[in-house]
Protein backbone atom coordinates (compact mmCIF):
# COMPACT_ATOMS: atom_id res chain seq x y z
CA MET A 1 28.28 49.70 166.71
CA LEU A 2 28.10 48.06 163.39
CA LEU A 3 30.02 45.56 162.89
CA SER A 4 29.59 44.26 160.21
CA ILE A 5 26.83 44.67 156.82
CA PRO A 6 23.71 42.65 156.52
CA PHE A 7 22.47 41.19 152.82
CA PRO A 8 19.46 43.56 151.75
CA SER A 9 16.73 41.07 152.25
CA TRP A 10 14.72 43.40 149.56
CA LEU A 11 17.32 42.30 146.72
CA LYS A 12 16.27 39.37 145.36
CA PRO A 13 17.19 37.47 141.88
CA GLU A 14 14.63 37.40 140.27
CA ILE A 15 12.70 41.11 138.77
CA ILE A 16 9.60 39.82 139.77
CA GLU A 17 9.04 36.70 142.08
CA GLY A 18 7.94 33.48 140.33
CA PHE A 19 8.72 34.78 136.79
CA PRO A 20 12.27 33.44 135.18
CA VAL A 21 14.13 36.53 134.59
CA ARG A 22 16.86 37.88 136.30
CA TRP A 23 18.35 40.89 137.47
CA TYR A 24 21.34 39.68 136.25
CA GLY A 25 20.73 39.12 132.73
CA VAL A 26 18.30 42.36 133.06
CA MET A 27 22.11 44.26 133.75
CA TYR A 28 23.83 42.39 130.98
CA ILE A 29 21.94 44.94 128.39
CA PHE A 30 22.53 47.94 130.68
CA ALA A 31 26.29 46.68 130.38
CA PHE A 32 25.50 46.85 126.71
CA ALA A 33 23.84 49.87 125.62
CA THR A 34 26.40 51.77 128.37
CA ALA A 35 29.24 50.68 126.08
CA PHE A 36 27.61 51.16 122.81
CA LEU A 37 26.51 54.53 123.65
CA LEU A 38 30.21 55.38 124.64
CA TYR A 39 31.30 53.82 121.60
CA ARG A 40 29.21 56.39 119.72
CA LYS A 41 29.92 59.26 121.67
CA GLN A 42 33.36 59.12 121.03
CA VAL A 43 32.74 58.17 117.16
CA LYS A 44 31.22 61.04 117.10
CA GLU A 45 33.52 63.40 119.81
CA ARG A 46 36.29 62.03 116.72
CA ARG A 47 34.46 62.08 114.08
CA PHE A 48 35.99 58.39 112.61
CA PRO A 49 34.25 57.15 109.48
CA MET A 50 31.68 54.91 110.48
CA SER A 51 27.82 54.48 109.99
CA ASP A 52 25.40 53.94 112.59
CA ASP A 53 24.42 50.53 110.82
CA ASN A 54 28.35 49.00 110.94
CA LEU A 55 28.18 50.16 114.02
CA SER A 56 25.35 47.98 115.28
CA SER A 57 26.95 45.34 113.43
CA LEU A 58 30.83 45.39 114.97
CA PHE A 59 28.64 45.35 118.26
CA PHE A 60 26.37 42.59 117.07
CA TRP A 61 30.01 40.56 116.59
CA GLY A 62 31.61 41.82 119.24
CA ILE A 63 29.18 40.34 121.96
CA LEU A 64 27.80 37.24 120.02
CA ALA A 65 32.13 36.16 120.44
CA LEU A 66 31.76 37.67 124.43
CA LEU A 67 28.90 35.74 125.03
CA LEU A 68 30.77 32.73 123.56
CA GLY A 69 33.38 33.07 124.61
CA ALA A 70 32.48 33.16 128.64
CA ARG A 71 30.25 30.87 128.31
CA LEU A 72 32.67 28.24 126.54
CA PHE A 73 35.48 29.39 129.68
CA SER A 74 32.81 28.90 132.43
CA THR A 75 31.65 25.60 131.67
CA LEU A 76 34.75 23.55 129.88
CA ILE A 77 38.29 25.14 132.40
CA TYR A 78 36.24 26.87 135.27
CA HIS A 79 34.42 23.37 136.27
CA THR A 80 36.15 20.03 136.52
CA ASP A 81 33.56 17.35 136.44
CA ASN A 82 33.45 16.63 132.82
CA THR A 83 30.31 16.99 132.15
CA TYR A 84 30.64 19.67 130.08
CA TRP A 85 32.63 17.70 128.17
CA THR A 86 30.67 14.62 127.90
CA LYS A 87 27.24 15.96 127.24
CA PRO A 88 28.65 19.74 125.33
CA TRP A 89 24.80 21.00 124.21
CA LEU A 90 24.56 21.49 128.09
CA ILE A 91 26.92 24.68 127.28
CA PHE A 92 24.46 26.09 126.28
CA TRP A 93 21.04 25.47 127.61
CA PRO A 94 19.08 27.74 129.50
CA PHE A 95 16.66 25.87 131.20
CA ASN A 96 18.04 25.38 134.52
CA SER A 97 17.04 23.32 137.77
CA ASP A 98 16.05 25.81 140.08
CA GLY A 99 13.36 26.66 137.31
CA SER A 100 15.03 29.49 136.33
CA PHE A 101 15.70 30.16 132.52
CA GLY A 102 19.41 31.33 131.25
CA LEU A 103 22.64 30.73 131.35
CA GLN A 104 24.29 30.68 134.53
CA GLY A 105 28.12 31.14 134.87
CA MET A 106 30.68 33.43 132.67
CA SER A 107 33.53 33.60 132.41
CA TYR A 108 35.60 37.09 131.79
CA HIS A 109 38.76 36.03 130.69
CA GLY A 110 37.11 33.71 127.98
CA GLY A 111 34.91 37.07 126.97
CA ALA A 112 38.00 39.24 126.52
CA PHE A 113 39.54 37.21 124.89
CA LEU A 114 36.95 35.56 121.74
CA GLY A 115 35.72 39.77 121.84
CA LEU A 116 39.42 40.52 120.85
CA ILE A 117 39.22 37.94 118.43
CA ALA A 118 36.02 39.16 116.84
CA VAL A 119 37.59 42.81 117.29
CA ILE A 120 40.36 42.38 115.14
CA ILE A 121 38.48 39.93 112.77
CA TYR A 122 36.38 42.84 112.07
CA ALA A 123 38.94 45.64 111.77
CA LYS A 124 40.84 43.91 109.29
CA VAL A 125 37.53 42.63 106.94
CA LYS A 126 36.39 46.24 106.94
CA ARG A 127 40.15 46.99 106.80
CA ILE A 128 39.66 49.32 109.59
CA SER A 129 42.77 50.33 111.65
CA PHE A 130 42.17 47.62 114.70
CA ARG A 131 43.94 50.21 116.59
CA GLU A 132 41.46 53.03 116.50
CA ILE A 133 38.84 51.00 117.07
CA GLY A 134 40.08 49.29 119.86
CA ASP A 135 41.20 52.24 121.71
CA MET A 136 37.29 53.23 121.59
CA PHE A 137 36.45 50.00 122.66
CA ALA A 138 38.96 49.81 126.31
CA ALA A 139 37.24 53.71 126.25
CA SER A 140 33.77 51.90 126.99
CA ILE A 141 34.00 48.81 127.96
CA PRO A 142 35.22 49.26 131.64
CA LEU A 143 31.86 51.13 132.50
CA GLY A 144 29.34 48.36 131.08
CA TYR A 145 31.54 45.56 133.52
CA THR A 146 30.28 47.69 136.01
CA PHE A 147 26.58 46.29 135.89
CA GLY A 148 28.18 42.63 135.46
CA ARG A 149 29.78 42.41 139.14
CA ILE A 150 26.26 44.10 140.00
CA GLY A 151 24.13 40.80 138.90
CA ASN A 152 26.62 39.26 140.67
CA PHE A 153 26.14 40.73 144.18
CA ILE A 154 22.27 40.96 144.07
CA ASN A 155 22.57 37.56 143.36
CA ALA A 156 24.38 37.22 146.34
CA GLU A 157 27.50 35.20 144.67
CA LEU A 158 31.18 34.59 144.20
CA TYR A 159 31.20 36.57 147.17
CA GLY A 160 34.68 37.01 148.92
CA ARG A 161 36.90 35.40 152.08
CA VAL A 162 35.78 35.44 155.85
CA THR A 163 36.46 38.44 157.22
CA ASP A 164 36.09 40.92 160.88
CA SER A 165 36.46 43.90 158.75
CA PRO A 166 33.67 46.54 159.55
CA ILE A 167 32.68 46.45 155.91
CA GLY A 168 32.26 42.64 156.10
CA MET A 169 28.67 41.75 154.65
CA VAL A 170 26.75 39.31 155.66
CA PHE A 171 25.79 37.08 152.48
CA PRO A 172 22.47 34.62 152.77
CA ASN A 173 23.42 30.67 151.49
CA ALA A 174 27.64 31.37 152.47
CA GLY A 175 27.49 29.90 155.05
CA LEU A 176 30.36 27.47 156.97
CA LYS A 177 30.39 24.27 158.57
CA MET A 178 31.79 24.05 161.73
CA THR A 179 33.72 21.20 162.64
CA SER A 180 36.47 20.74 165.30
CA GLU A 181 39.10 21.95 162.40
CA ASN A 182 37.76 25.03 162.08
CA GLU A 183 36.38 25.82 165.04
CA SER A 184 38.67 28.08 166.55
CA LEU A 185 38.30 30.38 163.32
CA ILE A 186 35.09 30.38 163.50
CA ARG A 187 34.54 31.35 167.00
CA GLU A 188 37.54 34.05 166.84
CA ILE A 189 35.31 36.09 164.02
CA ALA A 190 31.67 35.19 165.97
CA GLU A 191 33.15 36.61 168.77
CA LYS A 192 34.53 40.28 167.08
CA THR A 193 31.14 40.79 164.64
CA ASN A 194 29.12 40.05 167.36
CA ILE A 195 27.78 36.56 165.21
CA ALA A 196 25.99 34.76 168.33
CA ILE A 197 26.31 30.52 167.44
CA SER A 198 25.88 27.80 169.97
CA GLY A 199 29.08 25.79 169.26
CA THR A 200 27.83 22.67 168.32
CA MET A 201 29.52 20.88 166.34
CA GLY A 202 28.47 20.92 162.63
CA GLU A 203 26.52 23.79 163.22
CA ILE A 204 25.77 25.94 160.18
CA VAL A 205 28.24 29.84 160.57
CA ASN A 206 27.16 32.79 158.08
CA LEU A 207 30.33 34.79 158.53
CA PRO A 208 30.70 38.53 157.47
CA ARG A 209 32.63 38.64 154.15
CA HIS A 210 34.40 40.58 151.72
CA PRO A 211 31.69 41.91 149.22
CA SER A 212 34.84 41.55 146.57
CA GLN A 213 31.71 41.79 143.17
CA LEU A 214 31.37 45.59 144.85
CA TYR A 215 35.12 45.60 145.07
CA GLU A 216 35.28 44.56 141.03
CA ALA A 217 32.40 47.36 140.51
CA ILE A 218 34.60 50.07 141.47
CA PHE A 219 37.95 49.26 140.90
CA GLU A 220 37.85 47.02 137.34
CA GLY A 221 34.84 49.01 136.55
CA ILE A 222 34.44 52.69 137.56
CA VAL A 223 38.22 53.52 138.78
CA LEU A 224 39.53 52.02 135.57
CA TRP A 225 36.60 53.59 133.03
CA GLY A 226 38.17 56.79 134.63
CA ILE A 227 41.86 56.18 134.01
CA ILE A 228 41.03 54.74 130.62
CA TRP A 229 38.61 57.74 129.71
CA PHE A 230 40.84 60.12 130.63
CA PHE A 231 43.35 59.60 128.69
CA ARG A 232 40.98 58.47 125.27
CA ASN A 233 42.32 62.39 124.26
CA ARG A 234 45.72 62.38 125.12
CA LYS A 235 47.01 58.95 124.29
CA PRO A 236 50.59 59.34 122.98
CA PHE A 237 50.20 56.55 120.50
CA LYS A 238 47.41 54.12 118.82
CA GLY A 239 46.56 51.22 120.39
CA PHE A 240 47.78 53.07 123.84
CA LEU A 241 43.96 52.45 125.33
CA VAL A 242 44.16 48.76 124.39
CA GLY A 243 47.22 47.91 126.09
CA LEU A 244 46.06 50.20 128.60
CA TYR A 245 42.85 48.15 129.91
CA PHE A 246 44.37 44.83 129.67
CA LEU A 247 47.16 45.63 131.79
CA GLY A 248 44.57 48.00 133.83
CA TYR A 249 41.87 45.08 134.86
CA GLY A 250 44.33 42.35 135.12
CA LEU A 251 46.39 44.38 137.86
CA PHE A 252 43.04 44.78 139.24
CA ARG A 253 41.67 41.80 139.14
CA PHE A 254 44.62 40.26 140.50
CA ILE A 255 44.73 42.29 143.78
CA ILE A 256 41.52 41.79 144.31
CA GLU A 257 40.78 37.78 143.40
CA TYR A 258 43.34 37.80 147.04
CA PHE A 259 39.73 38.91 148.76
CA ARG A 260 37.99 36.73 147.18
CA GLU A 261 36.91 32.91 147.34
CA PRO A 262 38.56 30.86 145.00
CA ASP A 263 36.03 28.42 143.59
CA THR A 264 36.61 25.18 146.33
CA HIS A 265 36.68 22.63 143.78
CA LEU A 266 39.53 24.71 142.03
CA GLY A 267 41.31 25.51 144.88
CA TYR A 268 44.58 27.10 144.59
CA ARG A 269 45.72 26.41 140.66
CA ILE A 270 49.81 26.97 141.74
CA GLU A 271 51.15 26.90 145.78
CA LEU A 272 54.79 27.86 146.34
CA GLY A 273 54.05 28.26 150.02
CA GLN A 274 52.25 25.80 152.21
CA THR A 275 49.70 27.50 155.21
CA THR A 276 48.72 25.85 158.68
CA LEU A 277 45.04 27.70 158.42
CA PRO A 278 42.71 24.76 158.09
CA HIS A 279 40.22 24.87 155.46
CA VAL A 280 42.32 27.78 153.94
CA TYR A 281 39.90 29.39 151.28
CA PRO A 282 37.66 31.02 153.22
CA PHE A 283 39.89 32.43 155.82
CA SER A 284 42.68 33.06 153.74
CA HIS A 285 44.60 33.51 150.92
CA PRO A 286 48.41 33.13 151.69
CA LEU A 287 50.33 35.93 149.25
CA LEU A 288 51.75 32.92 146.97
CA SER A 289 49.49 30.72 146.12
CA PHE A 290 47.27 32.21 143.47
CA SER A 291 44.04 30.97 141.80
CA THR A 292 42.39 30.49 138.37
CA GLY A 293 41.27 34.30 138.33
CA GLN A 294 44.93 34.93 138.76
CA ILE A 295 47.05 33.80 136.69
CA LEU A 296 44.43 33.98 133.54
CA CYS A 297 45.10 38.10 135.02
CA PHE A 298 49.00 37.41 135.06
CA PHE A 299 49.35 36.79 130.84
CA MET A 300 46.51 39.90 130.32
CA MET A 301 48.79 41.90 132.25
CA LEU A 302 51.67 39.83 130.53
CA PHE A 303 49.40 40.91 126.88
CA GLY A 304 49.26 44.15 127.85
CA ILE A 305 53.03 45.57 128.27
CA ILE A 306 53.96 43.23 124.80
CA TRP A 307 50.97 45.53 123.23
CA LEU A 308 51.95 48.27 124.53
CA ILE A 309 55.70 47.74 123.66
CA ILE A 310 54.58 46.67 119.76
CA ALA A 311 52.42 49.67 119.20
CA SER A 312 54.38 52.40 120.60
CA ARG A 313 56.45 51.35 117.59
CA MET A 314 54.22 51.26 115.15
CA SER A 315 53.22 54.86 114.90
CA ASN A 316 54.12 55.27 111.27
CA LYS A 317 53.71 51.84 109.59
CA GLU A 318 50.10 52.58 108.59
CA PRO A 319 49.10 54.60 106.24
CA ILE A 320 47.86 57.74 107.25
CA ARG A 321 44.14 57.83 107.17
CA ILE A 322 42.09 61.45 106.61
CA TYR A 323 38.90 60.93 108.09
CA GLY A 324 35.46 61.93 106.40
CA ASN A 325 33.13 59.86 104.23
CA ASP A 326 35.57 57.22 102.86
CA VAL A 327 33.32 54.21 102.85
CA ASP A 328 33.38 52.31 100.36
CA SER A 329 30.02 50.89 98.80
CA LYS A 330 30.38 47.16 101.42
CA GLY A 331 30.79 49.59 104.52
CA ARG A 332 34.91 49.71 104.10
CA ILE A 333 37.04 52.54 105.22
CA LYS A 334 38.91 53.35 102.20
CA THR A 335 42.52 54.71 103.19
CA GLN A 336 45.21 56.19 101.68
CA THR A 337 48.94 57.25 102.38
CA VAL A 338 49.88 60.69 101.64
CA LYS A 339 53.00 62.74 101.83
CA PRO A 340 55.26 63.46 104.91
CA GLU A 341 54.27 67.21 104.90
CA GLU A 342 50.76 66.44 103.76
CA ALA A 343 50.89 64.56 107.57
CA ALA A 344 51.78 66.73 108.97
CA LYS A 345 49.51 69.01 108.84
CA GLU A 346 47.02 66.17 109.27
CA ARG A 347 48.27 65.88 112.52
CA ASN A 348 48.41 70.08 113.36
CA GLN A 349 44.64 69.53 112.55
CA ARG A 350 43.99 66.88 115.17
CA ARG A 351 45.46 68.59 117.88
CA LYS A 352 43.30 71.45 117.15
CA MET A 353 40.49 69.48 117.26
CA ARG A 354 41.75 67.74 120.08
CA LYS A 355 42.13 71.43 122.22
CA LYS A 356 38.80 72.24 120.60
CA LEU A 357 37.28 69.36 122.48
CA LYS A 358 39.26 69.78 125.52
């Protein structure tokens, strides 16, 4: 009986050994391409007045803001040794000490925050309803996000806590040093998972871990995308998918954080209950202890709920826009206000269009 899953030995971070290009960077390209194609599909599906040039421009600024926010949050919030505060030029220095090329360390929450700001600014400049383009982004991003977590898995990083579950995976370089404090826990899990250890103090023992990167790829990526994609033509009001995305991602990530091992230099930022387990991070996540990721996810869920309330009350506060070739010479979308009876007619036409699409 298989008591744990070995990490695939054929998976390597580098695409070609000795060549400084990693799968993680390629996964970002797959992620952006997937989101772009899904967004473009919705534009054509809904006859949204956005040209390919405008769409490319929107994604360019959105991706730039996302990468900027992800890197800034990772270096300035998740690193507490003040290295990046005292040497800020290292934040975007792509040459790493291990000889690889690329920016190692990105924060999803930072990317989501600055990406959101960029889309809001773009919508304002182009005179487009943020709720409309935001909804299309919400239905595009999660499936692309899946590739990012697959990249983390290939890197064998961001693994979860130690577990004796049959789905536990033995990751390389995830060993624990046996000490008098954690000896009994290590022996217990090693026995349950049939992992041989010598039992000497100071021994490095590699125990099975939750493959939390795959949990996130499945639930924060595929499952969340499936839910939002289902509602894309059934949403009760504009902006609904934006709120659903922030609420859904925050909830899934908050729960999965219980299976992840927090950064040892950060630990739990909030601890409402003390545990008697030694070296608690690898072995257990107390219910009332919260990591940095969980705190940020709480604010995401809060934002999602507040936005849903606000957006549901804004339904009749924007000019009704007739879809068509209503783009001016500067690429901005024209709007026009219509009478109530004309607005009702336009809504009926859109309902008929949605029925045809179904």
